[in-house]
Amino acid sequence: MTGVIVLAFALVNPYVDTIAYLRRNRGPYPRPDIFQVFALRPMKEPEMTAVPVTTDRMKFLRLALTADAVVTGGNGLIYLAFADPVSTLLGPDAGLLRAIGGFLLAYGAAVALVAGRRTISPVATKAVIAANAIWTLGSVAAVVTGAAGFTTVGAVWAIAQALVVAGFAELQITGLRKSRTN
């Protein structure tokens, strides 16, 4: 009943501090704070939402795949853009280097797509690892058999490149394991 009288009085006299009156005359109940009276809530810090564990777990794998994509794509661009001078330096025909450059550019883009996914596919990662292993073995075989006609610099470059690609494969294997065990 008191609330009805106060409400009626507040309508008649808008200068009455209704909120203050209600706060003073609340009785034995705890007094509400100002935010509750106006149905306002203080700004809270955003609650920590559960980030998919795969995001944190796949950070290393994503980094390994991204590095592979950048180095591979860059190598492909160099082979495409500078096939003639690189051919003179390394030994293989400029046409072969252009074909390899086109392949490396496409492969680097595919690896970048795998790395750019929100959740990295283990199957796609295994395919990248397998392709890197094949490239490593193929590079060593090309040097050993002399099939590509490498110069001395070309043979050293091919072995160095094979070691880098094998390193990427190892990093990707480690990243794949980390993404499963964390």
Protein backbone atom coordinates (compact mmCIF):
# COMPACT_ATOMS: atom_id res chain seq x y z
CA MET A 1 0.00 0.00 0.00
CA THR A 2 2.85 2.35 0.83
CA GLY A 3 4.26 1.89 -2.67
CA VAL A 4 0.94 2.97 -4.23
CA ILE A 5 0.84 6.11 -2.11
CA VAL A 6 4.44 6.96 -2.96
CA LEU A 7 3.76 6.35 -6.65
CA ALA A 8 0.66 8.54 -6.58
CA PHE A 9 2.57 11.26 -4.73
CA ALA A 10 5.42 11.02 -7.26
CA LEU A 11 2.99 11.50 -10.13
CA VAL A 12 1.51 14.57 -8.47
CA ASN A 13 4.87 16.04 -7.43
CA PRO A 14 7.64 15.12 -9.92
CA TYR A 15 10.24 16.84 -7.76
CA VAL A 16 10.07 14.20 -5.05
CA ASP A 17 13.03 11.91 -5.05
CA THR A 18 11.11 8.65 -5.23
CA ILE A 19 14.21 6.50 -5.39
CA ALA A 20 15.68 8.10 -2.27
CA TYR A 21 12.39 7.68 -0.43
CA LEU A 22 12.18 4.01 -1.36
CA ARG A 23 15.78 3.44 -0.33
CA ARG A 24 15.24 5.07 3.09
CA ASN A 25 11.96 3.29 3.78
CA ARG A 26 12.79 -0.18 2.64
CA GLY A 27 12.49 -1.78 6.04
CA PRO A 28 14.73 -4.53 7.36
CA TYR A 29 15.70 -5.65 3.87
CA PRO A 30 19.13 -4.77 2.52
CA ARG A 31 19.19 -1.48 0.70
CA PRO A 32 19.54 -1.83 -3.05
CA ASP A 33 22.42 -0.11 -4.75
CA ILE A 34 21.74 2.46 -7.42
CA PHE A 35 22.39 0.00 -10.26
CA GLN A 36 19.65 -2.30 -9.06
CA VAL A 37 17.17 0.53 -8.66
CA PHE A 38 17.59 1.67 -12.24
CA ALA A 39 17.97 -1.88 -13.51
CA LEU A 40 21.42 -0.97 -14.76
CA ARG A 41 24.35 -3.25 -14.51
CA PRO A 42 27.90 -2.03 -14.16
CA MET A 43 30.14 -2.91 -17.07
CA LYS A 44 31.79 -6.19 -16.38
CA GLU A 45 34.99 -7.45 -17.79
CA PRO A 46 34.20 -9.75 -20.69
CA GLU A 47 33.88 -13.25 -19.48
CA MET A 48 36.50 -15.63 -20.69
CA THR A 49 34.86 -17.83 -23.21
CA ALA A 50 36.23 -21.20 -24.03
CA VAL A 51 38.49 -20.84 -27.04
CA PRO A 52 38.60 -24.06 -28.98
CA VAL A 53 41.60 -25.93 -27.69
CA THR A 54 42.61 -26.65 -31.26
CA THR A 55 43.45 -22.96 -31.77
CA ASP A 56 46.12 -22.95 -29.06
CA ARG A 57 47.29 -26.44 -29.81
CA MET A 58 47.75 -25.78 -33.48
CA LYS A 59 49.80 -22.61 -33.13
CA PHE A 60 53.12 -24.39 -33.72
CA LEU A 61 51.71 -26.44 -36.59
CA ARG A 62 50.23 -23.32 -38.20
CA LEU A 63 53.60 -21.57 -37.93
CA ALA A 64 55.44 -24.53 -39.51
CA LEU A 65 52.95 -24.75 -42.37
CA THR A 66 53.00 -20.99 -42.95
CA ALA A 67 56.81 -20.92 -43.06
CA ASP A 68 56.76 -23.80 -45.54
CA ALA A 69 54.22 -21.99 -47.73
CA VAL A 70 56.18 -18.73 -47.74
CA VAL A 71 59.56 -20.31 -48.49
CA THR A 72 58.11 -22.64 -51.14
CA GLY A 73 56.13 -19.87 -52.83
CA GLY A 74 59.13 -17.55 -52.78
CA ASN A 75 61.33 -20.23 -54.31
CA GLY A 76 58.71 -20.84 -57.00
CA LEU A 77 58.52 -17.11 -57.81
CA ILE A 78 62.30 -16.91 -58.18
CA TYR A 79 62.33 -19.94 -60.50
CA LEU A 80 59.56 -18.42 -62.62
CA ALA A 81 60.84 -14.86 -62.75
CA PHE A 82 64.56 -15.58 -63.12
CA ALA A 83 64.63 -18.93 -64.89
CA ASP A 84 67.42 -18.03 -67.33
CA PRO A 85 70.01 -16.71 -64.84
CA VAL A 86 69.13 -19.42 -62.29
CA SER A 87 69.52 -22.03 -65.04
CA THR A 88 73.02 -20.77 -65.76
CA LEU A 89 73.89 -20.91 -62.05
CA LEU A 90 72.28 -24.23 -61.08
CA GLY A 91 72.43 -26.21 -64.31
CA PRO A 92 68.91 -27.45 -65.15
CA ASP A 93 67.21 -26.11 -68.28
CA ALA A 94 65.24 -22.85 -67.91
CA GLY A 95 62.06 -24.61 -69.10
CA LEU A 96 62.40 -27.21 -66.34
CA LEU A 97 62.98 -24.46 -63.77
CA ARG A 98 59.85 -22.62 -64.95
CA ALA A 99 57.81 -25.83 -64.62
CA ILE A 100 59.24 -26.45 -61.14
CA GLY A 101 58.57 -22.79 -60.25
CA GLY A 102 54.93 -23.08 -61.32
CA PHE A 103 54.54 -26.26 -59.31
CA LEU A 104 56.18 -24.72 -56.24
CA LEU A 105 53.99 -21.63 -56.48
CA ALA A 106 50.81 -23.74 -56.65
CA TYR A 107 52.03 -26.05 -53.89
CA GLY A 108 52.93 -23.08 -51.66
CA ALA A 109 49.43 -21.67 -52.17
CA ALA A 110 47.89 -25.02 -51.24
CA VAL A 111 50.00 -25.23 -48.07
CA ALA A 112 48.98 -21.65 -47.22
CA LEU A 113 45.32 -22.69 -47.54
CA VAL A 114 45.92 -25.59 -45.16
CA ALA A 115 47.66 -23.28 -42.69
CA GLY A 116 44.98 -20.60 -42.97
CA ARG A 117 42.06 -22.79 -41.94
CA ARG A 118 40.56 -22.15 -38.53
CA THR A 119 41.11 -25.79 -37.63
CA ILE A 120 43.97 -27.41 -39.47
CA SER A 121 43.09 -30.75 -41.00
CA PRO A 122 45.35 -33.59 -39.84
CA VAL A 123 44.77 -35.36 -43.16
CA ALA A 124 45.86 -32.31 -45.16
CA THR A 125 48.87 -31.88 -42.88
CA LYS A 126 49.87 -35.50 -43.45
CA ALA A 127 49.58 -34.92 -47.20
CA VAL A 128 51.90 -31.89 -46.91
CA ILE A 129 54.36 -33.95 -44.86
CA ALA A 130 54.27 -36.75 -47.44
CA ALA A 131 54.81 -34.29 -50.31
CA ASN A 132 57.75 -32.75 -48.45
CA ALA A 133 59.27 -36.20 -47.92
CA ILE A 134 58.85 -37.02 -51.62
CA TRP A 135 60.44 -33.69 -52.60
CA THR A 136 63.39 -34.36 -50.29
CA LEU A 137 63.98 -37.85 -51.69
CA GLY A 138 63.50 -36.61 -55.26
CA SER A 139 66.03 -33.80 -54.78
CA VAL A 140 68.63 -36.19 -53.40
CA ALA A 141 67.93 -38.68 -56.20
CA ALA A 142 68.29 -35.94 -58.84
CA VAL A 143 71.70 -35.02 -57.46
CA VAL A 144 72.91 -38.62 -57.06
CA THR A 145 71.78 -39.75 -60.51
CA GLY A 146 72.79 -36.54 -62.27
CA ALA A 147 69.42 -36.54 -64.09
CA ALA A 148 68.87 -32.80 -63.74
CA GLY A 149 72.35 -31.82 -64.95
CA PHE A 150 73.27 -29.81 -61.88
CA THR A 151 76.41 -27.74 -61.69
CA THR A 152 78.38 -27.98 -58.44
CA VAL A 153 76.50 -24.97 -57.12
CA GLY A 154 73.24 -26.56 -58.29
CA ALA A 155 74.01 -29.85 -56.52
CA VAL A 156 74.82 -28.00 -53.28
CA TRP A 157 71.64 -25.93 -53.69
CA ALA A 158 69.50 -29.04 -54.30
CA ILE A 159 70.88 -30.81 -51.20
CA ALA A 160 70.46 -27.65 -49.08
CA GLN A 161 66.92 -27.28 -50.36
CA ALA A 162 66.21 -30.93 -49.56
CA LEU A 163 67.46 -30.39 -46.00
CA VAL A 164 65.23 -27.34 -45.56
CA VAL A 165 62.20 -29.22 -46.88
CA ALA A 166 63.00 -32.17 -44.60
CA GLY A 167 63.22 -29.68 -41.72
CA PHE A 168 59.77 -28.35 -42.58
CA ALA A 169 58.41 -31.90 -42.63
CA GLU A 170 59.92 -32.56 -39.21
CA LEU A 171 58.46 -29.34 -37.79
CA GLN A 172 55.06 -30.26 -39.21
CA ILE A 173 55.26 -33.75 -37.69
CA THR A 174 56.11 -32.18 -34.32
CA GLY A 175 53.28 -29.67 -34.69
CA LEU A 176 50.83 -32.41 -35.56
CA ARG A 177 51.85 -34.37 -32.47
CA LYS A 178 51.54 -31.29 -30.27
CA SER A 179 48.09 -30.57 -31.64
CA ARG A 180 46.93 -34.02 -30.57
CA THR A 181 48.53 -34.29 -27.13
CA ASN A 182 47.91 -30.92 -25.48
